[in-house]
Amino acid sequence: MALDGVNFEAEKGQFTAILGPSGCGKTTLLRAIAGLIHPSRALVKGSVIVDSIDITDLEPRKRHIAFLTQSLNLYPHYSVYKNLEFALKMHGVKKAERRQRINTMCDCLDIGHLISKKPLQLSGGERQRVALGKVLIRDDTRIQLYDEPFSNLDTLLRSRFRDLVGDLHRRFPKTTLLVTHDPEEAGILADKILVLNKGRIEQEGTFSEIYNRPDSLVVARLIRGDRINLLQAVASDTMQEVIRGNDFLFQCPLEVLKLAKSSPTSKVTVLIDSNNVALNTESLINTQEYIGGSVASITTLGPETQMQVDCGGNILQFRVRTDQRISIGEPIQLIPGTGALQFFNTATQKRIV
């Protein structure tokens, strides 16, 4: 995917995550920074600036950038020791210092017992640690680039290596860019997140900023996943500042109401946080705001119950406390909590307020 007007700044020592769907240009961006693709081929126009120096035309080996790809970049014919040593030799580090750095890195990553083995003799997790060592062992590195380095690991190993990378970044702080499609990974590791879509930056900010106020439905889906429900709404035919649909009614800001009333074809998409609703246990009387429907399915998840609700033909997912008794087929009303609703222009997919 070609990049389109991508412009951002990563501060020294900052950990930045680049989040987006497959094919949105995440890897292209890293490769342009590393010098593996010239920006003239990846951008309409632009430059790569490091420490106020334009390195756009600099050879990759002279950029002092370490790049860890999905394939891990291990030399299969070299031992673990020689894999760790290779970059140090290329940069003229003396033998005694090379040995000292390798010993230190082996202690940090607990790979000292693997030092004479070759990559094909290692497990997936062991290869991952050696690859991390190759990135971290250089002290001349200005920027560390990670291109979905955990994608081939199972859930348990992925969690362990995510924690390891975070710990090592705190111990050896370097400017770091991590490409991922996992919002949880981005939220745990990164100081700042860039959300990329179709070669453009949709939004940037902290995880909390983006999670709580996504600029578009694309961002909302990426950052929240299945934690959201989306409903199409129209303006109420009364004088109240509300929008409604089949089996739901919401109060809304004036800007939302103006859009919904601007023309018969103008629609509003309402985002509902699936974890921020309460079951109306009183009676099925329409409150100021409500989501009505019948229970389609129930799954108990420890202290929570996940249920699907048929709301006027829309199947929505919610989570409520397990101690609240619910039966399949039962008519219910849910009351959205504070901040549970957000409003988007259906045509542009952008946040209204």
Protein backbone atom coordinates (compact mmCIF):
# COMPACT_ATOMS: atom_id res chain seq x y z
CA MET A 1 0.00 0.00 0.00
CA ALA A 2 1.39 3.40 -1.03
CA LEU A 3 1.52 6.05 1.69
CA ASP A 4 -0.53 9.22 1.32
CA GLY A 5 0.62 12.33 3.14
CA VAL A 6 1.88 10.50 6.24
CA ASN A 7 3.50 13.03 8.56
CA PHE A 8 4.34 12.37 12.21
CA GLU A 9 7.04 12.92 14.82
CA ALA A 10 8.41 10.41 17.34
CA GLU A 11 10.27 11.93 20.26
CA LYS A 12 13.62 10.55 21.40
CA GLY A 13 13.11 7.46 23.55
CA GLN A 14 9.38 7.34 22.77
CA PHE A 15 7.59 4.05 22.04
CA THR A 16 5.15 4.51 19.15
CA ALA A 17 2.74 1.83 17.95
CA ILE A 18 1.43 1.86 14.38
CA LEU A 19 -1.99 0.23 14.36
CA GLY A 20 -4.10 -0.63 11.35
CA PRO A 21 -5.72 -3.35 9.23
CA SER A 22 -3.73 -5.58 6.89
CA GLY A 23 -2.56 -3.78 3.75
CA CYS A 24 -2.91 -0.25 5.15
CA GLY A 25 0.76 0.71 4.67
CA LYS A 26 2.25 -0.09 8.10
CA THR A 27 5.18 -2.17 6.79
CA THR A 28 5.73 0.26 3.90
CA LEU A 29 6.18 3.05 6.44
CA LEU A 30 8.79 1.10 8.43
CA ARG A 31 10.66 0.11 5.29
CA ALA A 32 10.76 3.76 4.15
CA ILE A 33 12.20 4.79 7.54
CA ALA A 34 14.79 1.98 7.39
CA GLY A 35 15.83 2.98 3.86
CA LEU A 36 14.64 -0.24 2.22
CA ILE A 37 12.15 1.77 0.14
CA HIS A 38 13.02 5.27 -1.01
CA PRO A 39 10.32 7.74 0.11
CA SER A 40 9.86 8.84 -3.50
CA ARG A 41 8.41 5.37 -4.11
CA ALA A 42 6.37 5.26 -0.89
CA LEU A 43 5.22 8.88 -0.54
CA VAL A 44 4.04 11.62 -2.86
CA LYS A 45 6.84 13.68 -1.37
CA GLY A 46 8.59 13.72 1.96
CA SER A 47 11.70 13.14 4.01
CA VAL A 48 12.97 11.00 6.87
CA ILE A 49 14.52 13.21 9.56
CA VAL A 50 16.46 11.78 12.54
CA ASP A 51 17.94 14.11 15.17
CA SER A 52 17.34 17.07 12.81
CA ILE A 53 19.38 15.35 10.06
CA ASP A 54 17.80 14.43 6.72
CA ILE A 55 18.64 10.75 6.12
CA THR A 56 16.27 10.28 3.17
CA ASP A 57 19.08 9.42 0.74
CA LEU A 58 21.35 7.69 3.26
CA GLU A 59 22.16 4.01 2.77
CA PRO A 60 20.29 1.67 5.17
CA ARG A 61 23.50 0.44 6.84
CA LYS A 62 24.51 4.01 7.71
CA ARG A 63 21.19 4.97 9.35
CA HIS A 64 21.83 3.29 12.72
CA ILE A 65 18.40 1.68 12.60
CA ALA A 66 17.66 -1.85 13.86
CA PHE A 67 14.76 -3.60 12.10
CA LEU A 68 13.09 -6.77 13.41
CA THR A 69 10.69 -8.30 10.87
CA GLN A 70 8.18 -11.15 11.16
CA SER A 71 10.78 -13.54 9.76
CA LEU A 72 13.19 -12.57 12.63
CA ASN A 73 16.25 -12.17 10.33
CA LEU A 74 18.35 -14.94 11.91
CA TYR A 75 21.19 -16.46 9.88
CA PRO A 76 20.44 -20.22 9.84
CA HIS A 77 24.10 -21.26 9.31
CA TYR A 78 25.34 -19.20 12.28
CA SER A 79 25.22 -20.13 15.96
CA VAL A 80 23.33 -17.93 18.42
CA TYR A 81 26.66 -16.36 19.42
CA LYS A 82 27.56 -15.50 15.82
CA ASN A 83 24.06 -14.15 15.12
CA LEU A 84 24.42 -11.77 18.05
CA GLU A 85 27.99 -10.90 17.09
CA PHE A 86 27.39 -10.20 13.40
CA ALA A 87 26.17 -6.58 13.60
CA LEU A 88 28.85 -5.73 16.17
CA LYS A 89 31.60 -6.98 13.85
CA MET A 90 30.12 -5.04 10.94
CA HIS A 91 30.33 -1.85 13.01
CA GLY A 92 33.91 -2.43 14.10
CA VAL A 93 33.32 -3.29 17.75
CA LYS A 94 36.43 -4.90 19.26
CA LYS A 95 36.40 -8.59 20.17
CA ALA A 96 36.57 -8.14 23.96
CA GLU A 97 33.69 -5.66 23.93
CA ARG A 98 31.69 -7.91 21.62
CA ARG A 99 32.04 -10.78 24.06
CA GLN A 100 31.03 -8.58 26.99
CA ARG A 101 27.91 -7.26 25.24
CA ILE A 102 26.87 -10.75 24.13
CA ASN A 103 27.25 -12.07 27.69
CA THR A 104 25.18 -9.18 29.05
CA MET A 105 22.44 -9.71 26.46
CA CYS A 106 22.38 -13.47 27.10
CA ASP A 107 21.82 -12.76 30.80
CA CYS A 108 19.00 -10.29 30.03
CA LEU A 109 17.20 -12.69 27.69
CA ASP A 110 18.12 -15.96 29.44
CA ILE A 111 19.69 -17.46 26.31
CA GLY A 112 23.20 -18.21 27.58
CA HIS A 113 22.57 -21.96 27.43
CA LEU A 114 21.70 -21.65 23.72
CA ILE A 115 24.88 -19.85 22.68
CA SER A 116 26.33 -22.69 20.53
CA LYS A 117 23.05 -23.75 18.91
CA LYS A 118 21.81 -22.76 15.47
CA PRO A 119 18.34 -21.27 14.81
CA LEU A 120 16.83 -24.49 13.48
CA GLN A 121 17.68 -26.18 16.78
CA LEU A 122 15.68 -23.60 18.76
CA SER A 123 11.99 -23.36 19.65
CA GLY A 124 9.89 -20.46 18.37
CA GLY A 125 10.20 -18.60 21.66
CA GLU A 126 13.96 -19.12 21.79
CA ARG A 127 14.40 -17.80 18.24
CA GLN A 128 12.29 -14.78 19.22
CA ARG A 129 14.59 -13.98 22.14
CA VAL A 130 17.72 -14.28 19.98
CA ALA A 131 16.16 -11.96 17.39
CA LEU A 132 15.37 -9.42 20.11
CA GLY A 133 18.96 -9.69 21.26
CA LYS A 134 20.20 -8.81 17.76
CA VAL A 135 18.16 -5.60 17.89
CA LEU A 136 19.08 -4.61 21.44
CA ILE A 137 22.79 -5.47 21.45
CA ARG A 138 23.86 -2.50 19.34
CA ASP A 139 24.50 0.71 21.27
CA ASP A 140 24.78 2.81 18.10
CA THR A 141 21.10 2.31 17.24
CA ARG A 142 19.03 5.47 17.04
CA ILE A 143 15.73 3.82 16.15
CA GLN A 144 14.31 0.34 16.69
CA LEU A 145 11.67 -0.91 14.25
CA TYR A 146 9.47 -3.93 15.00
CA ASP A 147 7.20 -5.28 12.25
CA GLU A 148 4.64 -7.53 14.00
CA PRO A 149 7.41 -9.56 15.66
CA PHE A 150 4.97 -11.58 17.82
CA SER A 151 2.48 -12.54 15.10
CA ASN A 152 3.73 -16.14 14.79
CA LEU A 153 3.62 -16.87 18.54
CA ASP A 154 0.80 -18.52 20.47
CA THR A 155 -1.22 -16.47 22.96
CA LEU A 156 0.88 -17.30 26.03
CA LEU A 157 4.25 -16.65 24.34
CA ARG A 158 2.90 -13.50 22.73
CA SER A 159 1.95 -12.12 26.14
CA ARG A 160 5.36 -13.02 27.63
CA PHE A 161 7.32 -11.37 24.81
CA ARG A 162 5.13 -8.29 24.86
CA ASP A 163 6.00 -7.87 28.55
CA LEU A 164 9.67 -8.57 27.80
CA VAL A 165 9.85 -5.90 25.09
CA GLY A 166 8.21 -3.39 27.44
CA ASP A 167 10.66 -4.22 30.22
CA LEU A 168 13.69 -4.03 27.91
CA HIS A 169 12.51 -0.68 26.51
CA ARG A 170 12.42 0.73 30.03
CA ARG A 171 15.93 -0.61 30.72
CA PHE A 172 17.43 0.36 27.34
CA PRO A 173 15.25 3.26 26.13
CA LYS A 174 15.51 3.88 22.40
CA THR A 175 13.11 5.52 19.96
CA THR A 176 10.91 2.58 18.96
CA LEU A 177 8.21 2.01 16.33
CA LEU A 178 6.10 -1.13 16.56
CA VAL A 179 3.72 -2.26 13.82
CA THR A 180 0.78 -4.27 15.11
CA HIS A 181 -2.86 -5.06 14.35
CA ASP A 182 -3.53 -5.77 18.05
CA PRO A 183 -4.93 -2.74 19.97
CA GLU A 184 -4.24 -4.38 23.34
CA GLU A 185 -0.58 -4.78 22.40
CA ALA A 186 -0.42 -1.15 21.29
CA GLY A 187 -2.12 0.07 24.47
CA ILE A 188 0.20 -1.86 26.79
CA LEU A 189 3.49 -0.97 25.09
CA ALA A 190 3.14 2.42 23.43
CA ASP A 191 3.40 6.00 24.64
CA LYS A 192 1.69 7.10 21.43
CA ILE A 193 -0.39 5.33 18.79
CA LEU A 194 -0.76 6.09 15.08
CA VAL A 195 -3.86 4.60 13.46
CA LEU A 196 -3.17 4.01 9.77
CA ASN A 197 -5.84 3.28 7.17
CA LYS A 198 -5.47 3.12 3.37
CA GLY A 199 -2.05 4.76 3.56
CA ARG A 200 -3.18 7.72 5.66
CA ILE A 201 -3.04 8.55 9.36
CA GLU A 202 -6.63 8.41 10.63
CA GLN A 203 -5.75 9.51 14.17
CA GLU A 204 -2.82 9.78 16.57
CA GLY A 205 -2.65 10.12 20.33
CA THR A 206 -2.42 8.07 23.49
CA PHE A 207 -4.36 4.82 23.77
CA SER A 208 -6.79 6.45 26.21
CA GLU A 209 -7.42 9.43 23.91
CA ILE A 210 -8.10 7.26 20.87
CA TYR A 211 -10.14 4.64 22.76
CA ASN A 212 -12.40 7.20 24.43
CA ARG A 213 -12.80 9.57 21.45
CA PRO A 214 -12.20 7.82 18.12
CA ASP A 215 -12.30 10.30 15.24
CA SER A 216 -14.02 7.86 12.89
CA LEU A 217 -15.85 4.54 12.78
CA VAL A 218 -12.73 2.99 11.19
CA VAL A 219 -10.72 3.94 14.28
CA ALA A 220 -13.49 2.82 16.63
CA ARG A 221 -13.63 -0.64 15.06
CA LEU A 222 -9.83 -1.00 15.14
CA ILE A 223 -9.28 0.16 18.70
CA ARG A 224 -12.37 -1.37 20.34
CA GLY A 225 -13.04 -4.47 18.25
CA ASP A 226 -16.13 -6.37 19.41
CA ARG A 227 -16.65 -4.06 22.40
CA ILE A 228 -18.95 -1.82 20.34
CA ASN A 229 -22.40 -1.97 18.80
CA LEU A 230 -23.51 0.25 15.93
CA LEU A 231 -27.09 1.39 15.24
CA GLN A 232 -28.57 3.62 12.54
CA ALA A 233 -30.78 6.39 13.95
CA VAL A 234 -33.08 9.17 12.72
CA ALA A 235 -34.33 12.34 14.39
CA SER A 236 -37.41 12.12 16.57
CA ASP A 237 -40.57 13.65 15.11
CA THR A 238 -41.15 15.45 18.43
CA MET A 239 -39.53 18.63 19.71
CA GLN A 240 -37.26 16.63 22.01
CA GLU A 241 -33.52 16.50 21.38
CA VAL A 242 -33.52 12.75 20.80
CA ILE A 243 -32.84 10.29 18.02
CA ARG A 244 -34.56 6.96 17.71
CA GLY A 245 -34.86 3.71 15.83
CA ASN A 246 -36.58 0.36 16.23
CA ASP A 247 -36.58 -0.37 19.98
CA PHE A 248 -34.17 2.36 21.07
CA LEU A 249 -34.21 6.03 22.04
CA PHE A 250 -31.22 8.25 22.86
CA GLN A 251 -30.77 11.83 23.92
CA CYS A 252 -28.19 13.57 21.75
CA PRO A 253 -26.22 16.81 21.45
CA LEU A 254 -27.66 19.60 19.32
CA GLU A 255 -25.06 19.08 16.56
CA VAL A 256 -26.19 15.48 16.16
CA LEU A 257 -29.84 16.48 16.01
CA LYS A 258 -29.12 19.14 13.36
CA LEU A 259 -27.45 16.56 11.12
CA ALA A 260 -30.23 14.02 11.64
CA LYS A 261 -32.86 16.62 10.70
CA SER A 262 -30.91 18.21 7.83
CA SER A 263 -32.53 16.01 5.15
CA PRO A 264 -34.59 12.82 4.89
CA THR A 265 -31.48 10.91 3.81
CA SER A 266 -29.20 12.18 6.61
CA LYS A 267 -28.50 9.43 9.11
CA VAL A 268 -26.58 9.15 12.33
CA THR A 269 -24.65 6.08 13.43
CA VAL A 270 -24.73 5.56 17.19
CA LEU A 271 -21.81 3.69 18.80
CA ILE A 272 -22.75 1.90 22.02
CA ASP A 273 -20.11 0.59 24.42
CA SER A 274 -21.11 -3.04 25.03
CA ASN A 275 -19.57 -2.99 28.54
CA ASN A 276 -21.22 0.24 29.68
CA VAL A 277 -24.90 -0.61 30.00
CA ALA A 278 -27.13 -1.57 32.91
CA LEU A 279 -30.11 -3.89 32.91
CA ASN A 280 -33.38 -2.12 33.71
CA THR A 281 -34.70 -4.31 36.52
CA GLU A 282 -37.74 -2.17 37.34
CA SER A 283 -40.27 -2.52 34.55
CA LEU A 284 -40.28 -2.22 30.78
CA ILE A 285 -41.21 1.44 30.81
CA ASN A 286 -39.42 3.63 28.31
CA THR A 287 -36.92 5.78 30.21
CA GLN A 288 -35.20 8.88 28.83
CA GLU A 289 -32.71 6.59 27.09
CA TYR A 290 -33.05 2.89 26.46
CA ILE A 291 -32.18 -0.05 24.23
CA GLY A 292 -34.96 -2.59 23.99
CA GLY A 293 -35.18 -6.06 22.56
CA SER A 294 -35.29 -9.75 23.33
CA VAL A 295 -32.44 -11.94 24.54
CA ALA A 296 -31.15 -14.12 21.66
CA SER A 297 -28.29 -15.91 23.44
CA ILE A 298 -26.47 -16.03 26.77
CA THR A 299 -22.85 -16.97 27.57
CA THR A 300 -21.59 -16.94 31.16
CA LEU A 301 -18.01 -15.66 31.51
CA GLY A 302 -17.19 -15.85 35.22
CA PRO A 303 -18.46 -12.66 36.89
CA GLU A 304 -19.97 -11.42 33.62
CA THR A 305 -22.69 -12.63 31.29
CA GLN A 306 -22.33 -11.94 27.58
CA MET A 307 -25.64 -11.77 25.79
CA GLN A 308 -26.88 -11.12 22.31
CA VAL A 309 -29.97 -8.93 22.07
CA ASP A 310 -32.27 -8.70 19.06
CA CYS A 311 -32.99 -4.98 18.86
CA GLY A 312 -35.45 -4.40 16.03
CA GLY A 313 -33.64 -6.91 13.80
CA ASN A 314 -30.16 -5.77 14.84
CA ILE A 315 -28.19 -8.33 16.86
CA LEU A 316 -26.23 -6.47 19.54
CA GLN A 317 -23.76 -7.79 22.13
CA PHE A 318 -23.64 -6.65 25.75
CA ARG A 319 -22.02 -7.70 29.01
CA VAL A 320 -23.81 -7.48 32.35
CA ARG A 321 -23.23 -8.91 35.83
CA THR A 322 -23.76 -12.65 36.12
CA ASP A 323 -25.94 -12.25 39.22
CA GLN A 324 -28.65 -10.65 37.09
CA ARG A 325 -31.03 -13.38 35.97
CA ILE A 326 -31.78 -13.38 32.26
CA SER A 327 -33.52 -15.96 30.08
CA ILE A 328 -33.35 -16.52 26.33
CA GLY A 329 -36.37 -14.97 24.64
CA GLU A 330 -37.01 -12.60 27.53
CA PRO A 331 -37.86 -8.98 26.64
CA ILE A 332 -35.41 -6.58 28.28
CA GLN A 333 -34.38 -2.95 28.43
CA LEU A 334 -30.79 -1.76 28.80
CA ILE A 335 -29.85 1.71 30.02
CA PRO A 336 -26.62 3.18 28.57
CA GLY A 337 -24.15 4.46 31.17
CA THR A 338 -22.33 7.79 31.18
CA GLY A 339 -20.14 8.06 28.06
CA ALA A 340 -21.56 4.86 26.55
CA LEU A 341 -22.87 6.62 23.43
CA GLN A 342 -20.94 8.32 20.64
CA PHE A 343 -22.34 9.76 17.43
CA PHE A 344 -21.00 9.57 13.88
CA ASN A 345 -22.04 10.84 10.46
CA THR A 346 -23.15 7.73 8.58
CA ALA A 347 -22.13 9.17 5.20
CA THR A 348 -18.62 10.35 6.13
CA GLN A 349 -18.02 7.83 8.98
CA LYS A 350 -16.58 10.74 11.02
CA ARG A 351 -17.35 11.73 14.61
CA ILE A 352 -19.97 14.47 14.85
CA VAL A 353 -19.05 15.80 18.32
